[in-house]
Amino acid sequence: MRFSRVEQVAIGACVAGLALVCISFAAGVPRPVVAGTRTVAIWLGVMLVAAGVAWRPGSRFMRPGAGLGVAAGLCYAAGDVSTKGAVSGVGLFLVPVLVACHVIGFVALQLAFQRGGALATAGMSTLLNNALPIMAGIVAFHERLPAAPFGVVRAAGFVVVVLGAAMLARPERPALQALEDGSASTVASPGPPG
């Protein structure tokens, strides 16, 4: 399989970003903090709504299978956040949520494999599944970024991963052009000959 220039740059950005996040863990692992139920519920709700948008309406603006890959990654990430909440004291009511999120993520990923390439499906799913639970640790579970320079390295890693993922999900140029041409021809199509 040959990757386009954009795909090569995106893959490099994602690998570099994840490497920066890994390097930042040299500062140590934060102590677990019990998060508020409301904060975790909001975080999960936002991820699941975003997964629903990516599953159907958002997929029109991505490569084939990428919307389902994004939805799978978001669902798996929501399952991981639910797991962390259940074991860190938020509540065992999150156990059914984590099971449902993983089942829906599995279905979305299988559908994505049938509709798109490996980068647009498994790549997007894996990136989101890795990055979002770490971000949830900071936002929902109040884990702190490490002190500089490791905090700067971790933040830069997230930014680079997000940029790489956006590049992978973006439609290929011919597909984007066809979408634009299709909508333009619909608007500018002449009426019946008179």
Protein backbone atom coordinates (compact mmCIF):
# COMPACT_ATOMS: atom_id res chain seq x y z
CA MET A 1 0.00 0.00 0.00
CA ARG A 2 1.39 3.39 -1.02
CA PHE A 3 0.58 6.47 0.99
CA SER A 4 0.13 9.91 -0.51
CA ARG A 5 2.40 12.75 0.55
CA VAL A 6 -0.32 14.17 2.81
CA GLU A 7 -0.85 10.77 4.44
CA GLN A 8 2.90 10.39 5.04
CA VAL A 9 3.08 13.81 6.70
CA ALA A 10 -0.05 13.04 8.78
CA ILE A 11 1.33 9.67 9.91
CA GLY A 12 4.63 11.32 10.84
CA ALA A 13 2.80 14.02 12.80
CA CYS A 14 0.71 11.48 14.70
CA VAL A 15 3.74 9.34 15.57
CA ALA A 16 5.74 12.40 16.62
CA GLY A 17 2.84 13.71 18.74
CA LEU A 18 2.34 10.39 20.52
CA ALA A 19 6.11 10.18 21.09
CA LEU A 20 6.04 13.63 22.71
CA VAL A 21 3.16 12.53 24.98
CA CYS A 22 5.16 9.41 25.94
CA ILE A 23 8.26 11.50 26.68
CA SER A 24 6.18 13.75 28.94
CA PHE A 25 5.40 10.77 31.19
CA ALA A 26 9.01 10.88 32.35
CA ALA A 27 7.78 13.54 34.78
CA GLY A 28 5.83 10.83 36.60
CA VAL A 29 2.28 9.57 36.71
CA PRO A 30 -0.23 11.77 38.55
CA ARG A 31 -1.99 10.45 41.63
CA PRO A 32 -5.57 9.37 40.94
CA VAL A 33 -8.20 11.94 41.85
CA VAL A 34 -11.89 11.21 42.38
CA ALA A 35 -13.77 13.18 39.77
CA GLY A 36 -17.24 14.62 40.17
CA THR A 37 -20.09 12.57 38.74
CA ARG A 38 -21.43 15.57 36.84
CA THR A 39 -18.07 16.34 35.23
CA VAL A 40 -17.61 12.75 34.05
CA ALA A 41 -21.22 12.61 32.78
CA ILE A 42 -20.73 15.83 30.77
CA TRP A 43 -17.43 14.55 29.35
CA LEU A 44 -19.06 11.25 28.32
CA GLY A 45 -22.09 13.03 26.88
CA VAL A 46 -19.95 15.30 24.71
CA MET A 47 -17.93 12.35 23.38
CA LEU A 48 -21.04 10.30 22.60
CA VAL A 49 -22.80 13.21 20.86
CA ALA A 50 -19.64 13.82 18.82
CA ALA A 51 -19.57 10.11 17.93
CA GLY A 52 -23.16 10.33 16.71
CA VAL A 53 -22.35 13.36 14.57
CA ALA A 54 -19.25 11.67 13.12
CA TRP A 55 -21.18 8.45 12.46
CA ARG A 56 -23.63 10.00 10.04
CA PRO A 57 -23.79 13.72 9.21
CA GLY A 58 -20.10 14.44 9.77
CA SER A 59 -18.95 11.54 7.62
CA ARG A 60 -19.96 13.44 4.46
CA PHE A 61 -16.98 15.73 4.97
CA MET A 62 -14.39 12.97 5.57
CA ARG A 63 -12.78 10.14 3.68
CA PRO A 64 -14.87 6.99 3.25
CA GLY A 65 -14.96 5.16 6.58
CA ALA A 66 -13.31 8.01 8.50
CA GLY A 67 -16.54 9.16 10.15
CA LEU A 68 -17.17 5.66 11.46
CA GLY A 69 -13.51 5.42 12.54
CA VAL A 70 -13.90 8.67 14.47
CA ALA A 71 -17.16 7.41 16.01
CA ALA A 72 -15.45 4.16 17.03
CA GLY A 73 -12.53 6.01 18.60
CA LEU A 74 -14.87 8.31 20.51
CA CYS A 75 -16.96 5.38 21.77
CA TYR A 76 -13.89 3.40 22.84
CA ALA A 77 -12.51 6.52 24.56
CA ALA A 78 -15.85 7.02 26.34
CA GLY A 79 -15.64 3.39 27.47
CA ASP A 80 -12.13 3.97 28.82
CA VAL A 81 -13.24 7.11 30.67
CA SER A 82 -16.19 5.15 32.10
CA THR A 83 -13.78 2.45 33.27
CA LYS A 84 -11.57 5.02 34.97
CA GLY A 85 -14.62 6.58 36.61
CA ALA A 86 -15.95 3.22 37.81
CA VAL A 87 -12.67 2.15 39.40
CA SER A 88 -11.70 5.56 40.80
CA GLY A 89 -14.81 6.06 42.88
CA VAL A 90 -17.27 7.94 40.65
CA GLY A 91 -19.67 5.01 40.70
CA LEU A 92 -20.33 1.49 39.52
CA PHE A 93 -23.32 2.77 37.51
CA LEU A 94 -20.68 3.49 34.84
CA VAL A 95 -20.14 -0.26 34.23
CA PRO A 96 -23.14 -0.62 31.86
CA VAL A 97 -22.06 2.61 30.14
CA LEU A 98 -18.55 1.28 29.51
CA VAL A 99 -19.94 -2.01 28.13
CA ALA A 100 -22.34 -0.16 25.80
CA CYS A 101 -19.60 2.21 24.61
CA HIS A 102 -17.24 -0.65 23.76
CA VAL A 103 -19.97 -2.59 21.93
CA ILE A 104 -21.01 0.46 19.88
CA GLY A 105 -17.33 1.26 19.21
CA PHE A 106 -16.77 -2.29 17.97
CA VAL A 107 -19.77 -2.10 15.61
CA ALA A 108 -18.68 1.31 14.27
CA LEU A 109 -15.14 0.06 13.65
CA GLN A 110 -16.35 -3.05 11.81
CA LEU A 111 -18.59 -0.91 9.60
CA ALA A 112 -15.69 1.48 9.02
CA PHE A 113 -13.45 -1.37 7.85
CA GLN A 114 -16.05 -2.25 5.21
CA ARG A 115 -16.19 1.31 3.87
CA GLY A 116 -12.71 2.78 4.13
CA GLY A 117 -8.97 2.27 4.19
CA ALA A 118 -6.85 1.39 7.18
CA LEU A 119 -5.67 4.94 7.92
CA ALA A 120 -9.13 6.47 7.76
CA THR A 121 -10.64 3.78 9.98
CA ALA A 122 -8.31 2.06 12.44
CA GLY A 123 -5.91 5.02 12.38
CA MET A 124 -8.54 7.54 13.43
CA SER A 125 -10.04 5.15 15.97
CA THR A 126 -6.69 4.40 17.58
CA LEU A 127 -5.61 8.04 17.75
CA LEU A 128 -8.82 9.16 19.44
CA ASN A 129 -8.92 6.14 21.73
CA ASN A 130 -5.40 6.96 22.95
CA ALA A 131 -5.55 10.76 23.12
CA LEU A 132 -9.00 11.45 24.56
CA PRO A 133 -8.73 9.39 27.77
CA ILE A 134 -5.46 11.17 28.55
CA MET A 135 -7.16 14.51 27.95
CA ALA A 136 -10.11 13.36 30.09
CA GLY A 137 -7.64 12.70 32.89
CA ILE A 138 -6.77 16.38 32.84
CA VAL A 139 -10.24 17.82 32.21
CA ALA A 140 -12.61 15.44 34.01
CA PHE A 141 -10.36 13.83 36.64
CA HIS A 142 -8.38 16.98 37.49
CA GLU A 143 -4.98 15.46 36.85
CA ARG A 144 -2.42 18.20 36.39
CA LEU A 145 -0.05 18.66 33.51
CA PRO A 146 3.51 18.12 34.68
CA ALA A 147 5.67 21.16 35.32
CA ALA A 148 7.68 22.65 32.45
CA PRO A 149 9.31 21.42 30.30
CA PHE A 150 7.33 18.16 30.39
CA GLY A 151 3.97 19.95 30.50
CA VAL A 152 4.86 21.90 27.37
CA VAL A 153 6.00 18.69 25.67
CA ARG A 154 2.70 16.94 26.52
CA ALA A 155 0.57 19.86 25.29
CA ALA A 156 2.60 20.08 22.08
CA GLY A 157 2.17 16.35 21.58
CA PHE A 158 -1.62 16.66 21.79
CA VAL A 159 -1.66 19.53 19.29
CA VAL A 160 0.50 17.61 16.82
CA VAL A 161 -1.63 14.45 17.14
CA VAL A 162 -4.84 16.43 16.55
CA LEU A 163 -3.37 18.09 13.46
CA GLY A 164 -2.19 14.74 12.09
CA ALA A 165 -5.58 13.15 12.73
CA ALA A 166 -7.35 16.03 10.98
CA MET A 167 -5.10 15.53 7.97
CA LEU A 168 -5.91 11.80 7.88
CA ALA A 169 -9.66 12.37 8.07
CA ARG A 170 -9.74 15.06 5.40
CA PRO A 171 -11.22 13.86 2.10
CA GLU A 172 -8.81 13.21 -0.71
CA ARG A 173 -8.58 16.02 -3.22
CA PRO A 174 -10.52 14.29 -6.08
CA ALA A 175 -13.38 13.33 -3.72
CA LEU A 176 -13.50 16.86 -2.33
CA GLN A 177 -13.50 18.30 -5.85
CA ALA A 178 -16.29 15.90 -6.91
CA LEU A 179 -18.37 16.98 -3.91
CA GLU A 180 -17.85 20.65 -4.79
CA ASP A 181 -18.55 20.02 -8.49
CA GLY A 182 -21.69 18.02 -7.66
CA SER A 183 -23.15 20.75 -5.50
CA ALA A 184 -22.14 23.44 -8.01
CA SER A 185 -23.73 21.58 -10.93
CA THR A 186 -26.93 21.09 -8.93
CA VAL A 187 -27.18 24.81 -8.30
CA ALA A 188 -26.15 25.90 -11.78
CA SER A 189 -27.90 23.20 -13.81
CA PRO A 190 -29.89 24.66 -16.67
CA GLY A 191 -33.61 24.11 -16.89
CA PRO A 192 -35.31 22.07 -19.60
CA PRO A 193 -34.77 23.33 -23.15
CA GLY A 194 -37.44 25.75 -24.14
